[in-house]
């Protein structure tokens, strides 16, 4: 457990606000891509927008948490 805890002891390289801005901008891009792909599959604008918004709302929180976790891991930097 000691080796694992030392991996997470690292101080983050970026401010929380920077991580939030990066997350939101990335998700805006992904919403657009998801809507385009969903429209190509469904040929329904409303369904495509709903798919894009719902899936990306869930993914935004998970991406932010994942990014913050990796920012604390000392391995490889």
Protein backbone atom coordinates (compact mmCIF):
# COMPACT_ATOMS: atom_id res chain seq x y z
CA UNK A 1 0.00 0.00 0.00
CA UNK A 2 2.94 2.34 0.65
CA UNK A 3 4.00 2.42 -3.00
CA UNK A 4 0.44 3.11 -4.12
CA UNK A 5 -0.09 5.94 -1.63
CA UNK A 6 3.13 7.62 -2.80
CA UNK A 7 1.75 7.65 -6.35
CA UNK A 8 -1.17 9.81 -5.20
CA UNK A 9 0.89 12.12 -2.99
CA UNK A 10 1.87 14.39 -5.86
CA UNK A 11 0.62 17.98 -5.94
CA UNK A 12 -1.52 18.76 -9.02
CA UNK A 13 0.21 20.59 -11.90
CA UNK A 14 -2.81 22.65 -12.86
CA UNK A 15 -5.36 24.75 -11.05
CA UNK A 16 -8.80 23.29 -10.50
CA UNK A 17 -10.28 26.15 -12.57
CA UNK A 18 -8.03 25.23 -15.51
CA UNK A 19 -9.12 21.60 -15.31
CA UNK A 20 -12.77 22.71 -15.27
CA UNK A 21 -12.32 24.96 -18.33
CA UNK A 22 -10.47 22.20 -20.20
CA UNK A 23 -13.21 19.73 -19.30
CA UNK A 24 -16.04 22.00 -20.42
CA UNK A 25 -14.40 22.95 -23.72
CA UNK A 26 -13.61 19.32 -24.48
CA UNK A 27 -17.19 18.31 -23.70
CA UNK A 28 -18.61 21.04 -25.98
CA UNK A 29 -16.54 19.57 -28.81
CA UNK A 30 -17.70 16.05 -27.92
CA UNK A 31 -21.37 17.11 -27.81
CA UNK A 32 -21.07 18.33 -31.38
CA UNK A 33 -19.39 15.14 -32.55
CA UNK A 34 -21.92 12.94 -30.73
CA UNK A 35 -24.86 14.82 -32.26
CA UNK A 36 -23.41 14.49 -35.77
CA UNK A 37 -22.78 10.76 -35.34
CA UNK A 38 -26.19 10.18 -33.74
CA UNK A 39 -27.87 12.05 -36.60
CA UNK A 40 -26.00 9.92 -39.14
CA UNK A 41 -27.38 6.82 -37.42
CA UNK A 42 -30.91 7.96 -36.51
CA UNK A 43 -31.68 10.62 -39.15
CA UNK A 44 -33.67 12.37 -36.38
CA UNK A 45 -32.52 15.81 -35.21
CA UNK A 46 -34.37 15.79 -31.86
CA UNK A 47 -33.20 12.30 -30.94
CA UNK A 48 -29.65 13.20 -31.95
CA UNK A 49 -29.61 16.32 -29.76
CA UNK A 50 -31.06 14.37 -26.83
CA UNK A 51 -28.46 11.62 -27.23
CA UNK A 52 -25.69 14.20 -27.47
CA UNK A 53 -26.77 16.14 -24.39
CA UNK A 54 -27.52 13.20 -22.10
CA UNK A 55 -24.43 11.15 -22.88
CA UNK A 56 -22.14 14.14 -22.58
CA UNK A 57 -23.65 15.37 -19.32
CA UNK A 58 -22.67 12.04 -17.76
CA UNK A 59 -19.25 11.99 -19.43
CA UNK A 60 -18.35 15.50 -18.26
CA UNK A 61 -18.30 14.55 -14.59
CA UNK A 62 -16.39 11.35 -15.19
CA UNK A 63 -13.80 13.09 -17.38
CA UNK A 64 -13.20 15.80 -14.79
CA UNK A 65 -12.68 13.26 -12.02
CA UNK A 66 -10.41 11.13 -14.19
CA UNK A 67 -8.33 14.16 -15.20
CA UNK A 68 -7.93 15.28 -11.57
CA UNK A 69 -6.93 11.78 -10.48
CA UNK A 70 -4.24 11.47 -13.14
CA UNK A 71 -2.97 14.95 -12.34
CA UNK A 72 -2.06 13.63 -8.87
CA UNK A 73 -0.30 10.47 -10.04
CA UNK A 74 3.47 10.85 -10.02
CA UNK A 75 4.12 7.88 -12.30
CA UNK A 76 5.54 8.80 -15.69
CA UNK A 77 6.23 12.49 -15.02
